[in-house]
C-alpha atoms as a PDB file:
ATOM      1  CA  MET A   1    -104.847 101.476 -48.667  1.00  0.00           C
ATOM      2  CA  ASP A   2    -106.265 103.792 -46.026  1.00  0.00           C
ATOM      3  CA  SER A   3    -104.510 103.388 -42.665  1.00  0.00           C
ATOM      4  CA  ILE A   4    -107.816 102.843 -40.877  1.00  0.00           C
ATOM      5  CA  ILE A   5    -108.335  99.507 -42.659  1.00  0.00           C
ATOM      6  CA  LYS A   6    -105.123  98.032 -41.226  1.00  0.00           C
ATOM      7  CA  LYS A   7    -106.191  99.044 -37.732  1.00  0.00           C
ATOM      8  CA  ILE A   8    -109.379  96.985 -37.826  1.00  0.00           C
ATOM      9  CA  ASP A   9    -109.839  93.753 -35.895  1.00  0.00           C
ATOM     10  CA  HIS A  10    -112.867  92.340 -37.737  1.00  0.00           C
ATOM     11  CA  THR A  11    -114.972  90.976 -34.901  1.00  0.00           C
ATOM     12  CA  PHE A  12    -117.689  88.369 -34.492  1.00  0.00           C
ATOM     13  CA  LEU A  13    -118.180  87.335 -30.868  1.00  0.00           C
ATOM     14  CA  LYS A  14    -121.922  86.723 -30.666  1.00  0.00           C
ATOM     15  CA  PRO A  15    -123.038  83.638 -28.726  1.00  0.00           C
ATOM     16  CA  ASN A  16    -125.100  82.485 -31.712  1.00  0.00           C
ATOM     17  CA  ALA A  17    -122.191  82.705 -34.174  1.00  0.00           C
ATOM     18  CA  THR A  18    -122.192  79.834 -36.643  1.00  0.00           C
ATOM     19  CA  GLU A  19    -119.459  78.338 -38.792  1.00  0.00           C
ATOM     20  CA  GLU A  20    -120.992  80.131 -41.765  1.00  0.00           C
ATOM     21  CA  ASP A  21    -120.603  83.455 -39.927  1.00  0.00           C
ATOM     22  CA  ILE A  22    -116.968  82.738 -39.159  1.00  0.00           C
ATOM     23  CA  ARG A  23    -116.157  81.732 -42.726  1.00  0.00           C
ATOM     24  CA  ARG A  24    -117.873  84.919 -43.899  1.00  0.00           C
ATOM     25  CA  ILE A  25    -115.847  87.245 -41.679  1.00  0.00           C
ATOM     26  CA  CYS A  26    -112.628  85.503 -42.717  1.00  0.00           C
ATOM     27  CA  GLY A  27    -113.570  86.092 -46.348  1.00  0.00           C
ATOM     28  CA  GLU A  28    -114.312  89.727 -45.613  1.00  0.00           C
ATOM     29  CA  ALA A  29    -110.983  90.136 -43.820  1.00  0.00           C
ATOM     30  CA  LYS A  30    -109.183  88.758 -46.874  1.00  0.00           C
ATOM     31  CA  ARG A  31    -111.164  90.943 -49.258  1.00  0.00           C
ATOM     32  CA  PHE A  32    -110.732  94.208 -47.387  1.00  0.00           C
ATOM     33  CA  GLY A  33    -107.290  93.664 -45.873  1.00  0.00           C
ATOM     34  CA  PHE A  34    -108.140  93.884 -42.179  1.00  0.00           C
ATOM     35  CA  THR A  35    -105.297  93.111 -39.776  1.00  0.00           C
ATOM     36  CA  ALA A  36    -107.135  90.483 -37.703  1.00  0.00           C
ATOM     37  CA  VAL A  37    -110.310  88.562 -37.117  1.00  0.00           C
ATOM     38  CA  ALA A  38    -111.462  88.422 -33.493  1.00  0.00           C
ATOM     39  CA  VAL A  39    -113.330  85.273 -32.535  1.00  0.00           C
ATOM     40  CA  ASN A  40    -114.179  83.061 -29.606  1.00  0.00           C
ATOM     41  CA  PRO A  41    -111.788  80.137 -29.069  1.00  0.00           C
ATOM     42  CA  CYS A  42    -113.898  77.347 -30.581  1.00  0.00           C
ATOM     43  CA  TRP A  43    -113.606  79.015 -34.015  1.00  0.00           C
ATOM     44  CA  ILE A  44    -109.816  79.218 -34.176  1.00  0.00           C
ATOM     45  CA  SER A  45    -109.449  76.009 -36.181  1.00  0.00           C
ATOM     46  CA  CYS A  46    -112.036  77.219 -38.705  1.00  0.00           C
ATOM     47  CA  CYS A  47    -110.184  80.520 -39.075  1.00  0.00           C
ATOM     48  CA  LYS A  48    -106.893  78.683 -39.611  1.00  0.00           C
ATOM     49  CA  LYS A  49    -108.372  76.895 -42.598  1.00  0.00           C
ATOM     50  CA  GLU A  50    -110.054  79.974 -44.029  1.00  0.00           C
ATOM     51  CA  LEU A  51    -107.043  82.261 -43.575  1.00  0.00           C
ATOM     52  CA  ALA A  52    -104.309  79.830 -44.627  1.00  0.00           C
ATOM     53  CA  GLY A  53    -101.686  81.535 -46.772  1.00  0.00           C
ATOM     54  CA  THR A  54    -102.530  85.044 -45.497  1.00  0.00           C
ATOM     55  CA  ASP A  55    -100.945  87.251 -42.834  1.00  0.00           C
ATOM     56  CA  ILE A  56    -104.296  87.968 -41.150  1.00  0.00           C
ATOM     57  CA  ILE A  57    -104.043  87.422 -37.411  1.00  0.00           C
ATOM     58  CA  ILE A  58    -106.447  85.173 -35.503  1.00  0.00           C
ATOM     59  CA  ASP A  59    -107.260  87.189 -32.384  1.00  0.00           C
ATOM     60  CA  ALA A  60    -108.837  84.921 -29.757  1.00  0.00           C
ATOM     61  CA  THR A  61    -110.683  85.910 -26.612  1.00  0.00           C
ATOM     62  CA  VAL A  62    -109.700  84.671 -23.154  1.00  0.00           C
ATOM     63  CA  GLY A  63    -112.030  84.978 -20.181  1.00  0.00           C
ATOM     64  CA  PHE A  64    -114.719  86.377 -22.431  1.00  0.00           C
ATOM     65  CA  PRO A  65    -117.065  88.063 -21.740  1.00  0.00           C
ATOM     66  CA  LEU A  66    -117.021  88.366 -17.941  1.00  0.00           C
ATOM     67  CA  GLY A  67    -113.421  87.749 -16.903  1.00  0.00           C
ATOM     68  CA  GLN A  68    -114.660  86.189 -13.679  1.00  0.00           C
ATOM     69  CA  MET A  69    -113.129  82.701 -13.766  1.00  0.00           C
ATOM     70  CA  LEU A  70    -110.180  81.734 -11.599  1.00  0.00           C
ATOM     71  CA  LYS A  71    -106.946  83.316 -12.777  1.00  0.00           C
ATOM     72  CA  GLU A  72    -105.462  79.840 -13.167  1.00  0.00           C
ATOM     73  CA  SER A  73    -108.317  78.912 -15.504  1.00  0.00           C
ATOM     74  CA  LYS A  74    -107.750  82.046 -17.540  1.00  0.00           C
ATOM     75  CA  ALA A  75    -104.056  81.277 -17.971  1.00  0.00           C
ATOM     76  CA  ALA A  76    -104.922  77.706 -18.970  1.00  0.00           C
ATOM     77  CA  GLU A  77    -107.382  78.987 -21.565  1.00  0.00           C
ATOM     78  CA  CYS A  78    -104.648  81.215 -22.950  1.00  0.00           C
ATOM     79  CA  THR A  79    -102.388  78.187 -23.333  1.00  0.00           C
ATOM     80  CA  ASP A  80    -105.191  76.357 -25.139  1.00  0.00           C
ATOM     81  CA  VAL A  81    -105.962  79.124 -27.638  1.00  0.00           C
ATOM     82  CA  ILE A  82    -102.309  79.585 -28.531  1.00  0.00           C
ATOM     83  CA  ARG A  83    -101.945  75.861 -29.098  1.00  0.00           C
ATOM     84  CA  GLU A  84    -104.997  76.019 -31.373  1.00  0.00           C
ATOM     85  CA  GLY A  85    -103.410  78.760 -33.458  1.00  0.00           C
ATOM     86  CA  ALA A  86    -104.281  82.159 -32.000  1.00  0.00           C
ATOM     87  CA  GLY A  87    -101.860  84.880 -33.040  1.00  0.00           C
ATOM     88  CA  GLU A  88    -103.084  87.423 -30.477  1.00  0.00           C
ATOM     89  CA  VAL A  89    -105.175  87.266 -27.305  1.00  0.00           C
ATOM     90  CA  ASP A  90    -107.821  89.669 -25.977  1.00  0.00           C
ATOM     91  CA  MET A  91    -108.356  88.890 -22.278  1.00  0.00           C
ATOM     92  CA  VAL A  92    -111.018  90.370 -20.034  1.00  0.00           C
ATOM     93  CA  MET A  93    -109.803  91.934 -16.798  1.00  0.00           C
ATOM     94  CA  ASN A  94    -111.566  90.772 -13.643  1.00  0.00           C
ATOM     95  CA  VAL A  95    -113.547  93.975 -13.116  1.00  0.00           C
ATOM     96  CA  GLY A  96    -115.238  92.665  -9.967  1.00  0.00           C
ATOM     97  CA  LYS A  97    -111.894  92.023  -8.270  1.00  0.00           C
ATOM     98  CA  PHE A  98    -110.676  95.428  -9.395  1.00  0.00           C
ATOM     99  CA  LEU A  99    -113.729  97.214  -7.996  1.00  0.00           C
ATOM    100  CA  SER A 100    -113.304  95.260  -4.755  1.00  0.00           C
ATOM    101  CA  GLY A 101    -109.819  96.706  -4.403  1.00  0.00           C
ATOM    102  CA  ASP A 102    -108.018  93.404  -4.894  1.00  0.00           C
ATOM    103  CA  PHE A 103    -105.403  94.896  -7.171  1.00  0.00           C
ATOM    104  CA  ASP A 104    -102.860  92.160  -6.473  1.00  0.00           C
ATOM    105  CA  TYR A 105    -105.305  89.596  -7.851  1.00  0.00           C
ATOM    106  CA  VAL A 106    -105.921  91.710 -10.949  1.00  0.00           C
ATOM    107  CA  TYR A 107    -102.184  92.087 -11.496  1.00  0.00           C
ATOM    108  CA  GLU A 108    -101.536  88.352 -11.155  1.00  0.00           C
ATOM    109  CA  ASP A 109    -104.505  87.545 -13.405  1.00  0.00           C
ATOM    110  CA  ILE A 110    -103.155  89.731 -16.207  1.00  0.00           C
ATOM    111  CA  LYS A 111     -99.561  88.683 -15.629  1.00  0.00           C
ATOM    112  CA  GLY A 112    -100.455  85.020 -16.037  1.00  0.00           C
ATOM    113  CA  VAL A 113    -102.055  85.569 -19.426  1.00  0.00           C
ATOM    114  CA  ALA A 114     -99.491  88.104 -20.639  1.00  0.00           C
ATOM    115  CA  GLY A 115     -96.651  85.780 -19.659  1.00  0.00           C
ATOM    116  CA  CYS A 116     -98.288  82.911 -21.525  1.00  0.00           C
ATOM    117  CA  CYS A 117     -98.632  85.112 -24.613  1.00  0.00           C
ATOM    118  CA  HIS A 118     -95.079  86.401 -24.497  1.00  0.00           C
ATOM    119  CA  SER A 119     -93.594  82.939 -24.064  1.00  0.00           C
ATOM    120  CA  SER A 120     -95.167  82.135 -27.445  1.00  0.00           C
ATOM    121  CA  GLY A 121     -94.176  85.444 -29.031  1.00  0.00           C
ATOM    122  CA  ILE A 122     -97.676  86.910 -29.320  1.00  0.00           C
ATOM    123  CA  GLN A 123     -99.354  90.033 -27.968  1.00  0.00           C
ATOM    124  CA  CYS A 124    -101.803  90.342 -25.098  1.00  0.00           C
ATOM    125  CA  LYS A 125    -104.626  92.889 -25.098  1.00  0.00           C
ATOM    126  CA  VAL A 126    -106.397  93.566 -21.783  1.00  0.00           C
ATOM    127  CA  ILE A 127    -110.067  94.558 -21.900  1.00  0.00           C
ATOM    128  CA  LEU A 128    -110.777  96.967 -19.031  1.00  0.00           C
ATOM    129  CA  GLU A 129    -114.563  97.263 -19.546  1.00  0.00           C
ATOM    130  CA  THR A 130    -114.332 101.005 -19.008  1.00  0.00           C
ATOM    131  CA  CYS A 131    -118.105 101.481 -18.761  1.00  0.00           C
ATOM    132  CA  PHE A 132    -117.835 100.219 -15.176  1.00  0.00           C
ATOM    133  CA  LEU A 133    -114.905 102.476 -14.224  1.00  0.00           C
ATOM    134  CA  THR A 134    -114.398 106.103 -13.274  1.00  0.00           C
ATOM    135  CA  ASP A 135    -111.623 108.087 -14.925  1.00  0.00           C
ATOM    136  CA  GLU A 136    -109.450 107.569 -11.845  1.00  0.00           C
ATOM    137  CA  GLN A 137    -110.092 103.828 -11.977  1.00  0.00           C
ATOM    138  CA  ILE A 138    -109.273 103.703 -15.696  1.00  0.00           C
ATOM    139  CA  VAL A 139    -105.909 105.320 -14.966  1.00  0.00           C
ATOM    140  CA  ARG A 140    -105.206 102.775 -12.232  1.00  0.00           C
ATOM    141  CA  ALA A 141    -106.323  99.825 -14.362  1.00  0.00           C
ATOM    142  CA  CYS A 142    -104.047 100.958 -17.181  1.00  0.00           C
ATOM    143  CA  GLY A 143    -101.141 101.130 -14.747  1.00  0.00           C
ATOM    144  CA  ILE A 144    -101.787  97.623 -13.423  1.00  0.00           C
ATOM    145  CA  ALA A 145    -102.148  96.201 -16.923  1.00  0.00           C
ATOM    146  CA  GLU A 146     -98.923  97.838 -18.081  1.00  0.00           C
ATOM    147  CA  LYS A 147     -96.996  96.620 -15.033  1.00  0.00           C
ATOM    148  CA  ALA A 148     -98.361  93.090 -15.583  1.00  0.00           C
ATOM    149  CA  GLY A 149     -97.081  93.020 -19.149  1.00  0.00           C
ATOM    150  CA  ALA A 150    -100.021  94.030 -21.335  1.00  0.00           C
ATOM    151  CA  ASP A 151     -99.133  94.985 -24.883  1.00  0.00           C
ATOM    152  CA  TYR A 152    -102.484  96.743 -25.364  1.00  0.00           C
ATOM    153  CA  VAL A 153    -105.222  98.063 -23.150  1.00  0.00           C
ATOM    154  CA  LYS A 154    -108.670  97.869 -24.686  1.00  0.00           C
ATOM    155  CA  THR A 155    -111.848  99.712 -23.781  1.00  0.00           C
ATOM    156  CA  SER A 156    -114.652  97.193 -23.882  1.00  0.00           C
ATOM    157  CA  THR A 157    -116.166  93.857 -24.748  1.00  0.00           C
ATOM    158  CA  GLY A 158    -118.946  95.844 -26.381  1.00  0.00           C
ATOM    159  CA  LEU A 159    -121.544  93.903 -24.396  1.00  0.00           C
ATOM    160  CA  ASN A 160    -121.987  96.171 -21.380  1.00  0.00           C
ATOM    161  CA  GLY A 161    -123.071  99.794 -21.371  1.00  0.00           C
ATOM    162  CA  SER A 162    -121.217 102.366 -23.397  1.00  0.00           C
ATOM    163  CA  GLY A 163    -118.169 101.489 -25.450  1.00  0.00           C
ATOM    164  CA  ALA A 164    -115.244 103.516 -26.683  1.00  0.00           C
ATOM    165  CA  THR A 165    -115.243 107.307 -26.654  1.00  0.00           C
ATOM    166  CA  ALA A 166    -112.562 109.734 -27.750  1.00  0.00           C
ATOM    167  CA  GLU A 167    -112.248 110.998 -24.171  1.00  0.00           C
ATOM    168  CA  ILE A 168    -111.604 107.506 -22.818  1.00  0.00           C
ATOM    169  CA  ILE A 169    -109.090 106.722 -25.566  1.00  0.00           C
ATOM    170  CA  ARG A 170    -107.175 109.916 -24.814  1.00  0.00           C
ATOM    171  CA  LEU A 171    -107.226 109.133 -21.090  1.00  0.00           C
ATOM    172  CA  MET A 172    -105.924 105.605 -21.693  1.00  0.00           C
ATOM    173  CA  ARG A 173    -103.211 106.934 -24.005  1.00  0.00           C
ATOM    174  CA  LYS A 174    -102.065 109.401 -21.325  1.00  0.00           C
ATOM    175  CA  SER A 175    -102.151 106.702 -18.652  1.00  0.00           C
ATOM    176  CA  CYS A 176     -99.818 104.273 -20.433  1.00  0.00           C
ATOM    177  CA  GLY A 177     -96.194 104.385 -21.452  1.00  0.00           C
ATOM    178  CA  PRO A 178     -95.269 104.480 -25.141  1.00  0.00           C
ATOM    179  CA  SER A 179     -94.734 100.715 -25.317  1.00  0.00           C
ATOM    180  CA  VAL A 180     -98.402 100.017 -24.537  1.00  0.00           C
ATOM    181  CA  LYS A 181    -100.872 100.417 -27.373  1.00  0.00           C
ATOM    182  CA  ILE A 182    -104.579 101.246 -27.252  1.00  0.00           C
ATOM    183  CA  LYS A 183    -107.469  99.300 -28.751  1.00  0.00           C
ATOM    184  CA  ALA A 184    -110.853 100.984 -29.089  1.00  0.00           C
ATOM    185  CA  ALA A 185    -113.907  98.713 -29.123  1.00  0.00           C
ATOM    186  CA  GLY A 186    -117.590  99.001 -28.422  1.00  0.00           C
ATOM    187  CA  GLY A 187    -120.078 100.898 -30.568  1.00  0.00           C
ATOM    188  CA  ILE A 188    -117.748 101.776 -33.459  1.00  0.00           C
ATOM    189  CA  ARG A 189    -119.898 101.309 -36.536  1.00  0.00           C
ATOM    190  CA  THR A 190    -119.074 104.107 -38.984  1.00  0.00           C
ATOM    191  CA  LEU A 191    -116.024 105.532 -40.708  1.00  0.00           C
ATOM    192  CA  ALA A 192    -116.470 108.809 -38.822  1.00  0.00           C
ATOM    193  CA  GLN A 193    -116.439 106.993 -35.484  1.00  0.00           C
ATOM    194  CA  ALA A 194    -113.372 104.997 -36.473  1.00  0.00           C
ATOM    195  CA  ARG A 195    -111.569 108.192 -37.514  1.00  0.00           C
ATOM    196  CA  ILE A 196    -112.369 109.789 -34.160  1.00  0.00           C
ATOM    197  CA  MET A 197    -110.831 106.824 -32.325  1.00  0.00           C
ATOM    198  CA  GLU A 198    -107.758 106.874 -34.557  1.00  0.00           C
ATOM    199  CA  GLU A 199    -107.252 110.594 -33.994  1.00  0.00           C
ATOM    200  CA  ALA A 200    -107.686 110.150 -30.222  1.00  0.00           C
ATOM    201  CA  GLY A 201    -104.823 107.659 -30.151  1.00  0.00           C
ATOM    202  CA  ALA A 202    -106.239 104.204 -30.908  1.00  0.00           C
ATOM    203  CA  ASP A 203    -103.751 101.849 -32.529  1.00  0.00           C
ATOM    204  CA  ARG A 204    -106.362  99.171 -33.255  1.00  0.00           C
ATOM    205  CA  ILE A 205    -110.130  99.251 -33.648  1.00  0.00           C
ATOM    206  CA  GLY A 206    -112.324  96.309 -32.770  1.00  0.00           C
ATOM    207  CA  THR A 207    -115.590  96.359 -34.692  1.00  0.00           C
ATOM    208  CA  SER A 208    -118.135  94.068 -36.281  1.00  0.00           C
ATOM    209  CA  ALA A 209    -118.833  96.811 -38.827  1.00  0.00           C
ATOM    210  CA  GLY A 210    -115.569  96.590 -40.749  1.00  0.00           C
ATOM    211  CA  THR A 211    -117.311  95.928 -44.048  1.00  0.00           C
ATOM    212  CA  ALA A 212    -119.555  98.971 -43.608  1.00  0.00           C
ATOM    213  CA  ILE A 213    -116.523 101.120 -42.845  1.00  0.00           C
ATOM    214  CA  ALA A 214    -114.747  99.777 -45.935  1.00  0.00           C
ATOM    215  CA  ALA A 215    -117.834 100.515 -48.032  1.00  0.00           C
ATOM    216  CA  GLU A 216    -117.829 104.112 -46.777  1.00  0.00           C
ATOM    217  CA  LEU A 217    -114.191 104.436 -47.771  1.00  0.00           C
ATOM    218  CA  ALA A 218    -115.060 103.180 -51.225  1.00  0.00           C
ATOM    219  CA  GLY A 219    -117.883 105.690 -51.476  1.00  0.00           C
ATOM    220  CA  GLY A 220    -120.454 102.931 -51.725  1.00  0.00           C
ATOM    221  CA  ALA A 221    -118.701 101.340 -54.703  1.00  0.00           C
ATOM    222  CA  ASP A 222    -117.370  97.814 -54.828  1.00  0.00           C
ATOM    223  CA  TRP A 223    -114.075  97.390 -52.986  1.00  0.00           C
ATOM    224  CA  PRO A 224    -111.137  97.241 -55.407  1.00  0.00           C
END
């Protein structure tokens, strides 16, 4: 199996997602061998049923898509999604607090969720929403996230402005220690784009186009 397939978090986070959509992406994840499905919290129980007996991770969002709730609420949501069955968490950094210079708040916000994850033995990914940040701010955000216990830093929700670029992935990789991994997300829809992110240093790739990427790998033929 191509390494790019095992880096994919097969994603469906649209507000109009239905149970049929969620069952479909779980089936696709099983068929193609993706590492995780990324869903909003209300769909965790559905994913548990659909993915029973597999090692596919249920990757749940916390504070999605704005990250603007109270930090206590975000930590409580993290507790809830883990209890429901999430195997990883993608939390949204409070970009507004960061841009206001309230770095202590941002640190405590991330620390609360990361600590909740680690107490249950799962990983925490922190979405920086890099489209709102300068390079200097990305470096600082990576440093705060790492200090607060993030296992991954992630580019984007994919809902605001530009998403992942090779330049941003390389910058994030340089800005973090070796224990912190990088997740590229936002606008990755082709095999070529996924390869670029992988080569730039992305350890995981969040995309809703996993099936299209798999089809490209198979040369348009049916997946084995």
